[in-house]
């Protein structure tokens, strides 16, 4: 046991919960066939940990402790409602109360498959696309309703209602906890790919909290993506998504410094990029291209990431090609965020003045109101044009919008640099 009193213990428990919650919810959903109940009992285990670990210290295997506590709560519930003997016997047979904690939960059982089953369950077409994505982000990524609303650029109350209705619908319609096959697999594939993509993005650039990246979440998304590509080997976008995640993952350890502060792409030490992951990503991209010569959104994003991976130095990046790829992406999957990224590529390829024209058009649209990367990108372009006072204001505004502490520190630092430049 490690004793960690007060706020330090709370932060450690918060980190552990972020690592373990999806596995616990998936395992409980397998037992209960009810996502809402599974989430409730998982949170009961978290509350129990917060109460007990403050005094006893964090156990050597905290994930096992949480899993065991949650499963006990779930089985107590099944007892209370007096399910048929057959159902109770089935659940009880899989649980040995005389087993030590580390034997009860080794991580080698069906938990990994349970996560993929949970994604397919919550991506059932009986739910709307928005409900599927919101519910899965809540369960797998541990995002709060507020964080999901920000990612959707939607009202928090609307997202909360969407999640509640989705869980109720899954229970009422008795949606099976399984990976489907055939046409049913194909029907859900696009949403499952999207959810894994959003899961990876949350790990790559955390919406909130004290860390800029969540590497374990990226690793989990990549593992699930590889499993999905194996299940659907003829789906080009499954390989495209894997390629994108492999290539992006190659940069993870260079995205933050030893002090935890963010390191921007152009400042990263490319010698430290993981070249095995780069080779795997390029190979997955080739598999996607071999299946279809018309690239989808994930394959196009992977091709953009490949441009960075194949550039020996930042100055040798093929920005005109990246701008062209973003142009194709904007036609294939148009969105304000894609347009924002296209503006960055055009600014890098042809000069910040051209990128700023796109930013000005985006600011006239309400769809990116409150999205911190819009003023952040604007600030960068203004700084490159020597308009330092305007850039300072843009960076400060971006800092006020982000919920990530590391990113806020970076933006405020850039605002200070602009203030210094403006005063010269």
Protein backbone atom coordinates (compact mmCIF):
# COMPACT_ATOMS: atom_id res chain seq x y z
CA UNK A 1 0.00 0.00 0.00
CA UNK A 2 1.13 3.54 -0.76
CA UNK A 3 -0.15 6.26 1.53
CA UNK A 4 -1.24 9.36 -0.34
CA UNK A 5 -3.33 11.72 1.79
CA UNK A 6 -5.51 14.61 0.69
CA UNK A 7 -5.45 16.21 -2.73
CA UNK A 8 -2.55 14.08 -3.96
CA UNK A 9 -4.58 10.92 -3.33
CA UNK A 10 -7.58 12.42 -5.08
CA UNK A 11 -5.52 13.18 -8.18
CA UNK A 12 -4.03 9.69 -8.20
CA UNK A 13 -7.47 8.14 -7.89
CA UNK A 14 -8.72 10.39 -10.68
CA UNK A 15 -5.89 9.15 -12.92
CA UNK A 16 -6.54 5.51 -12.03
CA UNK A 17 -10.25 5.95 -12.72
CA UNK A 18 -9.48 7.39 -16.15
CA UNK A 19 -7.40 4.30 -16.94
CA UNK A 20 -9.82 1.68 -15.59
CA UNK A 21 -13.39 2.98 -15.90
CA UNK A 22 -14.06 1.81 -19.46
CA UNK A 23 -12.92 -1.74 -18.67
CA UNK A 24 -15.06 -1.86 -15.55
CA UNK A 25 -18.15 -0.53 -17.33
CA UNK A 26 -17.65 -3.00 -20.18
CA UNK A 27 -17.32 -5.95 -17.79
CA UNK A 28 -20.41 -4.89 -15.84
CA UNK A 29 -22.40 -4.42 -19.06
CA UNK A 30 -21.57 -8.02 -19.98
CA UNK A 31 -22.98 -9.12 -16.59
CA UNK A 32 -26.03 -6.85 -16.44
CA UNK A 33 -26.86 -6.12 -20.11
CA UNK A 34 -27.69 -2.59 -18.95
CA UNK A 35 -25.30 0.27 -19.71
CA UNK A 36 -26.90 2.69 -17.27
CA UNK A 37 -26.68 0.24 -14.37
CA UNK A 38 -23.13 -0.68 -15.33
CA UNK A 39 -22.09 2.97 -15.19
CA UNK A 40 -23.88 3.45 -11.86
CA UNK A 41 -22.13 0.49 -10.20
CA UNK A 42 -18.77 1.53 -11.63
CA UNK A 43 -19.23 4.96 -10.06
CA UNK A 44 -20.25 3.30 -6.79
CA UNK A 45 -16.86 1.59 -6.81
CA UNK A 46 -15.17 4.94 -7.45
CA UNK A 47 -17.00 6.51 -4.49
CA UNK A 48 -15.95 3.58 -2.32
CA UNK A 49 -12.34 4.07 -3.41
CA UNK A 50 -12.45 7.79 -2.62
CA UNK A 51 -13.78 7.03 0.85
CA UNK A 52 -11.47 4.14 1.72
CA UNK A 53 -8.19 4.91 -0.03
CA UNK A 54 -7.86 8.27 1.70
CA UNK A 55 -7.30 6.31 4.93
CA UNK A 56 -5.78 3.03 3.80
CA UNK A 57 -3.70 4.22 0.87
CA UNK A 58 -3.98 3.12 -2.75
CA UNK A 59 -3.74 -0.70 -3.16
CA UNK A 60 -1.00 -2.28 -5.23
CA UNK A 61 -3.52 -3.27 -7.90
CA UNK A 62 -6.13 -0.48 -7.84
CA UNK A 63 -7.80 -1.63 -11.07
CA UNK A 64 -8.46 -5.04 -9.55
CA UNK A 65 -9.87 -3.47 -6.38
CA UNK A 66 -12.26 -1.29 -8.39
CA UNK A 67 -13.31 -4.18 -10.62
CA UNK A 68 -13.96 -6.49 -7.66
CA UNK A 69 -15.92 -3.83 -5.74
CA UNK A 70 -18.06 -2.99 -8.78
CA UNK A 71 -18.75 -6.66 -9.54
CA UNK A 72 -19.79 -7.30 -5.95
CA UNK A 73 -22.22 -4.38 -6.10
CA UNK A 74 -23.62 -5.73 -9.37
CA UNK A 75 -24.10 -9.25 -7.99
CA UNK A 76 -25.73 -7.88 -4.85
CA UNK A 77 -28.15 -6.08 -7.14
CA UNK A 78 -28.88 -9.26 -9.09
CA UNK A 79 -29.57 -11.02 -5.81
CA UNK A 80 -31.90 -8.28 -4.61
CA UNK A 81 -34.12 -8.33 -7.65
CA UNK A 82 -34.25 -12.16 -7.47
CA UNK A 83 -33.47 -13.02 -11.03
CA UNK A 84 -34.27 -16.53 -12.10
CA UNK A 85 -31.99 -19.19 -10.63
CA UNK A 86 -30.44 -19.87 -14.01
CA UNK A 87 -29.32 -16.26 -14.45
CA UNK A 88 -28.04 -15.97 -10.91
CA UNK A 89 -26.17 -19.26 -11.18
CA UNK A 90 -24.54 -18.13 -14.42
CA UNK A 91 -23.24 -14.94 -12.81
CA UNK A 92 -22.20 -16.59 -9.56
CA UNK A 93 -20.36 -19.38 -11.36
CA UNK A 94 -18.02 -16.79 -12.90
CA UNK A 95 -17.15 -15.24 -9.54
CA UNK A 96 -14.99 -16.89 -6.88
CA UNK A 97 -15.25 -14.88 -3.67
CA UNK A 98 -12.34 -16.80 -2.15
CA UNK A 99 -9.92 -15.66 -4.85
CA UNK A 100 -7.32 -13.03 -4.11
CA UNK A 101 -7.75 -9.68 -5.84
CA UNK A 102 -4.83 -10.08 -8.20
CA UNK A 103 -6.17 -13.47 -9.31
CA UNK A 104 -9.70 -12.15 -9.77
CA UNK A 105 -8.60 -9.54 -12.27
CA UNK A 106 -5.52 -10.37 -14.32
CA UNK A 107 -6.39 -8.42 -17.44
CA UNK A 108 -6.15 -11.61 -19.48
CA UNK A 109 -9.84 -12.55 -19.51
CA UNK A 110 -12.60 -11.25 -21.78
CA UNK A 111 -12.22 -7.62 -20.76
CA UNK A 112 -10.44 -6.56 -23.95
CA UNK A 113 -13.18 -8.07 -26.14
CA UNK A 114 -15.77 -6.51 -23.84
CA UNK A 115 -14.59 -3.03 -24.77
CA UNK A 116 -15.17 -3.66 -28.46
CA UNK A 117 -18.55 -5.24 -27.70
CA UNK A 118 -19.46 -2.17 -25.65
CA UNK A 119 -18.62 0.11 -28.59
CA UNK A 120 -20.78 -1.91 -30.97
CA UNK A 121 -23.62 -2.02 -28.46
CA UNK A 122 -23.64 1.74 -27.94
CA UNK A 123 -23.27 2.31 -31.71
CA UNK A 124 -26.46 0.39 -32.51
CA UNK A 125 -28.45 2.07 -35.33
CA UNK A 126 -31.49 2.25 -33.08
CA UNK A 127 -29.76 5.34 -31.63
CA UNK A 128 -29.11 8.56 -33.50
CA UNK A 129 -25.58 9.21 -34.66
CA UNK A 130 -25.15 12.00 -32.09
CA UNK A 131 -26.42 9.77 -29.26
CA UNK A 132 -24.11 6.90 -30.23
CA UNK A 133 -21.02 9.09 -30.27
CA UNK A 134 -21.90 11.00 -27.08
CA UNK A 135 -22.68 7.85 -25.10
CA UNK A 136 -19.51 6.07 -26.17
CA UNK A 137 -17.33 9.09 -25.43
CA UNK A 138 -18.88 9.18 -21.98
CA UNK A 139 -18.30 5.48 -21.28
CA UNK A 140 -14.97 4.83 -22.99
CA UNK A 141 -13.18 8.16 -22.65
CA UNK A 142 -14.66 9.20 -19.32
CA UNK A 143 -15.56 12.63 -20.70
CA UNK A 144 -18.01 14.70 -18.71
CA UNK A 145 -21.24 15.89 -20.29
CA UNK A 146 -19.77 19.39 -20.48
CA UNK A 147 -16.66 18.17 -22.31
CA UNK A 148 -18.75 16.19 -24.80
CA UNK A 149 -20.94 19.23 -25.40
CA UNK A 150 -17.85 21.30 -26.16
CA UNK A 151 -16.59 18.70 -28.65
CA UNK A 152 -20.01 18.71 -30.35
CA UNK A 153 -20.25 22.51 -30.08
CA UNK A 154 -23.69 21.83 -28.53
CA UNK A 155 -25.62 22.80 -25.41
CA UNK A 156 -24.73 20.74 -22.33
CA UNK A 157 -28.38 20.14 -21.43
CA UNK A 158 -29.09 18.72 -24.90
CA UNK A 159 -26.14 16.32 -24.67
CA UNK A 160 -27.18 15.20 -21.16
CA UNK A 161 -30.71 14.39 -22.34
CA UNK A 162 -29.30 12.58 -25.37
CA UNK A 163 -27.14 10.32 -23.19
CA UNK A 164 -29.96 9.50 -20.76
CA UNK A 165 -32.36 8.65 -23.59
CA UNK A 166 -29.71 6.51 -25.31
CA UNK A 167 -29.10 4.37 -22.22
CA UNK A 168 -32.83 3.95 -21.68
CA UNK A 169 -33.38 2.93 -25.31
CA UNK A 170 -30.62 0.31 -25.22
CA UNK A 171 -32.25 -1.28 -22.17
CA UNK A 172 -35.81 -1.12 -23.46
CA UNK A 173 -34.88 -2.62 -26.83
CA UNK A 174 -32.63 -5.25 -25.21
CA UNK A 175 -29.74 -4.50 -27.58
CA UNK A 176 -27.28 -7.45 -27.46
CA UNK A 177 -23.80 -7.06 -26.03
CA UNK A 178 -21.85 -8.47 -28.97
CA UNK A 179 -19.78 -7.77 -32.06
CA UNK A 180 -22.23 -8.23 -34.96
CA UNK A 181 -21.48 -9.97 -38.23
CA UNK A 182 -22.28 -9.53 -41.90
CA UNK A 183 -24.54 -6.67 -42.93
CA UNK A 184 -25.15 -5.66 -39.32
CA UNK A 185 -21.41 -5.22 -38.78
CA UNK A 186 -21.19 -3.09 -41.92
CA UNK A 187 -24.16 -1.00 -40.81
CA UNK A 188 -22.44 0.03 -37.57
CA UNK A 189 -18.88 0.25 -38.86
CA UNK A 190 -18.84 3.95 -39.75
CA UNK A 191 -20.00 5.03 -36.29
CA UNK A 192 -17.61 2.63 -34.54
CA UNK A 193 -14.72 4.05 -36.59
CA UNK A 194 -15.80 7.56 -35.66
CA UNK A 195 -15.97 6.73 -31.96
CA UNK A 196 -12.51 5.14 -31.95
CA UNK A 197 -11.21 8.18 -33.84
CA UNK A 198 -12.68 10.58 -31.27
CA UNK A 199 -11.35 8.38 -28.46
CA UNK A 200 -7.86 8.64 -29.93
CA UNK A 201 -8.18 12.41 -30.39
CA UNK A 202 -9.12 12.85 -26.74
CA UNK A 203 -5.95 11.01 -25.79
CA UNK A 204 -3.83 12.94 -28.28
CA UNK A 205 -5.07 16.37 -27.14
CA UNK A 206 -6.98 16.14 -23.88
CA UNK A 207 -10.07 18.34 -23.70
CA UNK A 208 -9.43 19.28 -20.08
CA UNK A 209 -7.35 18.41 -17.06
CA UNK A 210 -3.74 18.85 -16.07
CA UNK A 211 -2.09 16.86 -18.89
CA UNK A 212 -2.00 17.71 -22.55
CA UNK A 213 -1.92 14.08 -23.72
CA UNK A 214 -3.42 10.83 -22.40
CA UNK A 215 -1.14 8.18 -23.95
CA UNK A 216 -3.01 5.21 -22.48
CA UNK A 217 -6.23 6.35 -24.13
CA UNK A 218 -4.38 6.61 -27.46
CA UNK A 219 -2.96 3.12 -26.99
CA UNK A 220 -6.42 1.72 -26.20
CA UNK A 221 -7.95 3.39 -29.27
CA UNK A 222 -5.14 2.06 -31.46
CA UNK A 223 -5.57 -1.47 -30.06
CA UNK A 224 -9.32 -1.35 -30.73
CA UNK A 225 -8.66 0.02 -34.23
CA UNK A 226 -6.31 -2.85 -35.01
CA UNK A 227 -8.93 -5.34 -33.78
CA UNK A 228 -11.56 -3.69 -35.96
CA UNK A 229 -9.31 -3.81 -39.03
CA UNK A 230 -8.84 -7.53 -38.42
CA UNK A 231 -12.61 -8.04 -38.11
CA UNK A 232 -13.32 -6.01 -41.27
CA UNK A 233 -10.21 -6.49 -43.45
CA UNK A 234 -11.98 -5.35 -46.61
CA UNK A 235 -12.94 -1.94 -45.19
CA UNK A 236 -10.46 0.67 -46.48
CA UNK A 237 -11.35 3.24 -43.84
CA UNK A 238 -10.61 0.77 -41.02
CA UNK A 239 -7.05 0.56 -42.34
CA UNK A 240 -7.03 4.31 -42.95
CA UNK A 241 -7.93 4.99 -39.33
CA UNK A 242 -5.29 2.54 -38.07
CA UNK A 243 -2.73 4.25 -40.32
CA UNK A 244 -3.68 7.66 -38.92
CA UNK A 245 -3.43 6.48 -35.30
CA UNK A 246 -0.11 4.65 -35.88
CA UNK A 247 1.43 7.75 -37.46
CA UNK A 248 0.08 10.14 -34.84
CA UNK A 249 1.15 7.79 -32.03
CA UNK A 250 4.73 7.89 -33.33
CA UNK A 251 4.94 11.49 -32.07
CA UNK A 252 3.37 11.01 -28.65
CA UNK A 253 6.54 10.97 -26.54
CA UNK A 254 7.82 14.16 -28.20
CA UNK A 255 4.58 16.13 -27.70
CA UNK A 256 5.45 17.05 -24.12
CA UNK A 257 8.69 18.01 -22.41
CA UNK A 258 10.02 16.63 -19.16
CA UNK A 259 8.08 19.28 -17.28
CA UNK A 260 4.86 18.18 -18.98
CA UNK A 261 4.60 21.33 -21.09
CA UNK A 262 3.40 20.94 -24.71
CA UNK A 263 5.90 20.87 -27.57
CA UNK A 264 4.43 22.00 -30.87
CA UNK A 265 4.89 19.90 -34.02
CA UNK A 266 7.44 22.19 -35.65
CA UNK A 267 9.61 22.15 -32.50
CA UNK A 268 9.61 18.39 -31.88
CA UNK A 269 12.77 16.29 -32.08
CA UNK A 270 11.99 14.08 -35.07
CA UNK A 271 14.86 11.73 -34.27
CA UNK A 272 12.82 10.64 -31.25
CA UNK A 273 9.70 9.79 -33.23
CA UNK A 274 8.85 6.08 -33.11
CA UNK A 275 9.92 4.85 -36.54
CA UNK A 276 8.41 1.40 -36.02
CA UNK A 277 4.99 3.01 -35.63
CA UNK A 278 5.69 5.16 -38.69
CA UNK A 279 6.45 2.06 -40.78
CA UNK A 280 3.32 0.36 -39.47
CA UNK A 281 1.26 3.44 -40.29
CA UNK A 282 2.59 3.71 -43.82
CA UNK A 283 1.92 -0.01 -44.36
CA UNK A 284 -1.68 0.38 -43.12
CA UNK A 285 -2.12 3.37 -45.45
CA UNK A 286 -0.95 1.24 -48.38
CA UNK A 287 -3.46 -1.47 -47.42
CA UNK A 288 -6.22 1.13 -47.46
CA UNK A 289 -5.12 2.38 -50.89
CA UNK A 290 -4.92 -1.16 -52.25
CA UNK A 291 -8.58 -1.74 -51.35
CA UNK A 292 -9.85 1.60 -52.66
CA UNK A 293 -8.18 4.24 -54.82
CA UNK A 294 -10.72 6.78 -53.64
CA UNK A 295 -9.52 7.70 -50.16
CA UNK A 296 -12.00 8.35 -47.38
CA UNK A 297 -11.60 10.91 -44.56
CA UNK A 298 -9.38 8.74 -42.36
CA UNK A 299 -7.11 7.73 -45.23
CA UNK A 300 -6.79 11.39 -46.25
CA UNK A 301 -5.87 12.39 -42.70
CA UNK A 302 -3.38 9.53 -42.58
CA UNK A 303 -1.84 10.80 -45.82
CA UNK A 304 -1.48 14.24 -44.21
CA UNK A 305 0.18 12.69 -41.17
CA UNK A 306 2.45 10.70 -43.50
CA UNK A 307 3.71 13.97 -45.02
CA UNK A 308 4.93 15.02 -41.58
CA UNK A 309 6.35 11.57 -40.79
CA UNK A 310 8.35 11.46 -44.03
CA UNK A 311 9.81 14.96 -43.73
CA UNK A 312 13.36 14.71 -42.26
CA UNK A 313 13.05 18.20 -40.78
CA UNK A 314 10.19 20.59 -40.14
CA UNK A 315 11.43 22.94 -42.85
CA UNK A 316 11.27 20.12 -45.43
CA UNK A 317 7.56 19.44 -44.85
CA UNK A 318 5.60 19.34 -48.11
CA UNK A 319 3.01 21.93 -47.13
CA UNK A 320 1.57 22.40 -50.66
CA UNK A 321 0.70 18.68 -50.71
CA UNK A 322 -0.80 18.92 -47.21
CA UNK A 323 -2.90 21.90 -48.33
CA UNK A 324 -4.10 19.87 -51.35
CA UNK A 325 -4.98 16.92 -49.11
CA UNK A 326 -6.97 19.21 -46.81
CA UNK A 327 -8.76 20.54 -49.89
CA UNK A 328 -9.75 16.96 -50.75
CA UNK A 329 -10.77 16.32 -47.14
CA UNK A 330 -12.94 19.44 -47.16
CA UNK A 331 -14.78 18.05 -50.19
CA UNK A 332 -15.10 14.53 -48.72
CA UNK A 333 -16.00 15.44 -45.12
CA UNK A 334 -16.65 19.19 -44.92
CA UNK A 335 -16.59 20.78 -41.47
CA UNK A 336 -15.44 24.05 -39.89
CA UNK A 337 -12.60 22.21 -38.12
CA UNK A 338 -11.31 20.79 -41.41
CA UNK A 339 -11.49 24.29 -42.86
CA UNK A 340 -9.48 25.60 -39.92
CA UNK A 341 -6.78 23.00 -40.53
CA UNK A 342 -6.81 23.84 -44.23
CA UNK A 343 -6.17 27.46 -43.30
CA UNK A 344 -3.09 26.40 -41.30
CA UNK A 345 -1.75 24.37 -44.23
CA UNK A 346 -2.32 27.20 -46.70
CA UNK A 347 -0.62 29.66 -44.35
CA UNK A 348 2.39 27.37 -44.10
CA UNK A 349 2.50 26.74 -47.85
CA UNK A 350 1.75 30.19 -49.23
CA UNK A 351 2.02 32.65 -46.35
CA UNK A 352 -0.03 33.65 -43.30
CA UNK A 353 -1.96 36.37 -45.14
CA UNK A 354 -3.71 33.74 -47.27
CA UNK A 355 -4.52 31.60 -44.25
CA UNK A 356 -5.86 34.59 -42.37
CA UNK A 357 -8.44 35.20 -45.09
CA UNK A 358 -9.93 31.77 -44.37
CA UNK A 359 -9.83 32.44 -40.63
CA UNK A 360 -11.72 35.72 -41.14
CA UNK A 361 -14.45 33.81 -43.00
CA UNK A 362 -14.64 31.19 -40.26
CA UNK A 363 -15.04 33.85 -37.58
CA UNK A 364 -18.16 35.08 -39.34
CA UNK A 365 -19.73 31.65 -38.78
CA UNK A 366 -21.24 30.81 -35.40
CA UNK A 367 -20.33 27.11 -35.57
CA UNK A 368 -16.88 27.65 -34.03
CA UNK A 369 -17.95 30.07 -31.29
CA UNK A 370 -16.12 29.10 -28.13
CA UNK A 371 -13.68 26.82 -29.98
CA UNK A 372 -10.30 27.83 -28.58
CA UNK A 373 -8.22 26.69 -31.56
CA UNK A 374 -9.79 29.33 -33.83
CA UNK A 375 -8.33 32.34 -31.95
CA UNK A 376 -5.17 30.30 -31.28
CA UNK A 377 -4.56 29.77 -35.00
CA UNK A 378 -5.46 33.39 -35.69
CA UNK A 379 -2.93 34.51 -33.09
CA UNK A 380 -0.20 32.43 -34.73
CA UNK A 381 -0.86 33.92 -38.15
CA UNK A 382 -1.01 37.47 -36.80
CA UNK A 383 2.29 36.94 -34.98
CA UNK A 384 3.93 35.73 -38.19
CA UNK A 385 2.66 38.88 -39.92
CA UNK A 386 4.22 41.05 -37.21
CA UNK A 387 0.84 42.16 -35.84
CA UNK A 388 1.90 41.32 -32.30
CA UNK A 389 -0.66 43.30 -30.29
CA UNK A 390 -3.55 41.68 -32.18
CA UNK A 391 -1.85 38.31 -31.75
CA UNK A 392 -1.54 38.87 -27.99
CA UNK A 393 -5.28 39.53 -27.72
CA UNK A 394 -6.06 36.41 -29.77
CA UNK A 395 -3.82 34.17 -27.66
CA UNK A 396 -5.28 35.50 -24.42
CA UNK A 397 -8.79 34.89 -25.70
CA UNK A 398 -7.86 31.34 -26.74
CA UNK A 399 -6.39 30.74 -23.27
CA UNK A 400 -9.66 31.81 -21.68
CA UNK A 401 -11.57 29.23 -23.73
CA UNK A 402 -9.48 26.09 -23.27
CA UNK A 403 -10.15 23.74 -20.36
CA UNK A 404 -6.73 22.10 -20.51
CA UNK A 405 -4.27 23.59 -18.02
CA UNK A 406 -1.15 22.78 -20.05
CA UNK A 407 -2.59 24.31 -23.18
CA UNK A 408 -3.69 27.40 -21.27
CA UNK A 409 -0.15 27.87 -19.97
CA UNK A 410 1.24 27.56 -23.50
CA UNK A 411 -1.22 30.10 -24.91
CA UNK A 412 -0.54 32.60 -22.14
CA UNK A 413 3.18 32.17 -22.73
CA UNK A 414 2.70 32.97 -26.40
CA UNK A 415 0.63 36.02 -25.44
CA UNK A 416 3.51 37.24 -23.25
CA UNK A 417 5.96 36.76 -26.12
CA UNK A 418 3.73 38.86 -28.36
CA UNK A 419 3.45 41.56 -25.69
CA UNK A 420 7.23 41.69 -25.47
CA UNK A 421 7.56 41.89 -29.27
CA UNK A 422 4.93 44.64 -29.44
CA UNK A 423 6.80 46.71 -26.86
CA UNK A 424 10.13 46.62 -28.71
